[in-house]
Amino acid sequence: MIDLNEVFSLTEFQRNAKDHVERLAQTGKPQVLTVNGKAAVVVQDAASYQRMLDEKERLEAAAGIQRGIEAMKRGETRPLEAALDDLKTKYE
C-alpha cells in the first residue's frame, strides 16, 4: 500500500534528489511522484525492487506448481517415462 506521506511532486524530487534517494534507501518504501497533481511515477531503492521481483518469481513458481497439481488431479498428465519414450522415438 502506498504511504500518503511518501507522495511528492516531481519538481520537489528533482530539487532534493539526494535526500529522497537517502530516504528511499533507509525506509525501503516507494515514493509516488506527481506531475500536475496526478500520480505519474513510482520510485524505489534497488534493494527493495529486487526483493519485490524475487517475491513475484516465488509467487509465479507456486502458481505454476499449483496448476500442475490441478492438471494431475484432472488426469491431464502422463508418467515421465512415457513422455521420455515419445521424445526418444521422435528425435532418434
Protein backbone atom coordinates (compact mmCIF):
# COMPACT_ATOMS: atom_id res chain seq x y z
CA MET A 1 0.00 0.00 0.00
CA ILE A 2 1.24 3.48 -0.83
CA ASP A 3 2.00 5.66 2.19
CA LEU A 4 0.44 9.07 1.56
CA ASN A 5 3.40 10.59 3.39
CA GLU A 6 5.57 9.31 0.51
CA VAL A 7 3.91 11.35 -2.27
CA PHE A 8 5.96 14.19 -3.74
CA SER A 9 5.91 16.34 -6.83
CA LEU A 10 8.45 15.51 -9.49
CA THR A 11 9.80 19.04 -9.18
CA GLU A 12 10.36 18.63 -5.42
CA PHE A 13 12.04 15.28 -6.02
CA GLN A 14 14.39 16.82 -8.60
CA ARG A 15 15.30 19.69 -6.28
CA ASN A 16 16.13 17.35 -3.40
CA ALA A 17 17.06 14.13 -5.20
CA LYS A 18 19.90 13.24 -2.82
CA ASP A 19 17.62 13.48 0.23
CA HIS A 20 14.95 11.40 -1.48
CA VAL A 21 17.41 8.71 -2.50
CA GLU A 22 18.72 8.51 1.06
CA ARG A 23 15.16 8.23 2.43
CA LEU A 24 14.32 5.55 -0.13
CA ALA A 25 17.34 3.51 0.94
CA GLN A 26 16.62 3.95 4.66
CA THR A 27 12.88 3.22 4.63
CA GLY A 28 12.61 0.81 1.73
CA LYS A 29 9.25 2.44 0.98
CA PRO A 30 8.44 3.54 -2.56
CA GLN A 31 7.63 7.15 -3.32
CA VAL A 32 4.94 8.35 -5.68
CA LEU A 33 5.92 11.32 -7.81
CA THR A 34 3.22 13.56 -9.20
CA VAL A 35 3.05 15.74 -12.28
CA ASN A 36 0.39 18.45 -12.24
CA GLY A 37 -1.06 16.90 -9.08
CA LYS A 38 -1.56 13.44 -10.56
CA ALA A 39 0.44 10.31 -9.77
CA ALA A 40 2.90 9.77 -12.61
CA VAL A 41 5.85 7.67 -11.41
CA VAL A 42 6.78 5.36 -8.55
CA VAL A 43 10.43 5.25 -7.44
CA GLN A 44 12.06 2.89 -5.00
CA ASP A 45 15.53 1.80 -4.00
CA ALA A 46 17.19 -1.05 -5.88
CA ALA A 47 17.26 -3.48 -2.93
CA SER A 48 13.51 -3.14 -2.33
CA TYR A 49 12.84 -3.53 -6.03
CA GLN A 50 14.92 -6.72 -6.15
CA ARG A 51 13.03 -8.14 -3.15
CA MET A 52 9.77 -7.40 -4.96
CA LEU A 53 10.99 -9.18 -8.11
CA ASP A 54 12.15 -12.19 -6.05
CA GLU A 55 8.76 -12.41 -4.33
CA LYS A 56 6.97 -12.17 -7.67
CA GLU A 57 9.11 -15.02 -9.01
CA ARG A 58 8.30 -17.19 -5.96
CA LEU A 59 4.57 -16.50 -6.34
CA GLU A 60 4.67 -17.34 -10.05
CA ALA A 61 6.51 -20.60 -9.32
CA ALA A 62 3.98 -21.54 -6.63
CA ALA A 63 1.11 -20.79 -9.03
CA GLY A 64 2.76 -22.96 -11.71
CA ILE A 65 3.15 -25.82 -9.26
CA GLN A 66 -0.48 -25.46 -8.23
CA ARG A 67 -1.58 -25.56 -11.89
CA GLY A 68 0.46 -28.74 -12.35
CA ILE A 69 -1.11 -30.39 -9.32
CA GLU A 70 -4.58 -29.49 -10.55
CA ALA A 71 -3.77 -30.89 -14.02
CA MET A 72 -2.60 -34.13 -12.40
CA LYS A 73 -5.84 -34.38 -10.43
CA ARG A 74 -7.82 -33.93 -13.66
CA GLY A 75 -5.79 -36.67 -15.33
CA GLU A 76 -4.25 -34.31 -17.88
CA THR A 77 -0.68 -35.51 -17.31
CA ARG A 78 1.20 -38.69 -18.05
CA PRO A 79 4.12 -40.53 -16.49
CA LEU A 80 7.62 -39.16 -17.15
CA GLU A 81 8.74 -42.46 -18.65
CA ALA A 82 6.05 -42.27 -21.33
CA ALA A 83 6.97 -38.69 -22.24
CA LEU A 84 10.68 -39.59 -22.42
CA ASP A 85 9.93 -42.61 -24.60
CA ASP A 86 7.98 -40.38 -27.01
CA LEU A 87 10.83 -37.87 -27.17
CA LYS A 88 13.36 -40.64 -27.71
CA THR A 89 11.31 -42.05 -30.58
CA LYS A 90 10.79 -38.65 -32.12
CA TYR A 91 14.43 -37.50 -32.00
CA GLU A 92 16.39 -40.69 -32.63
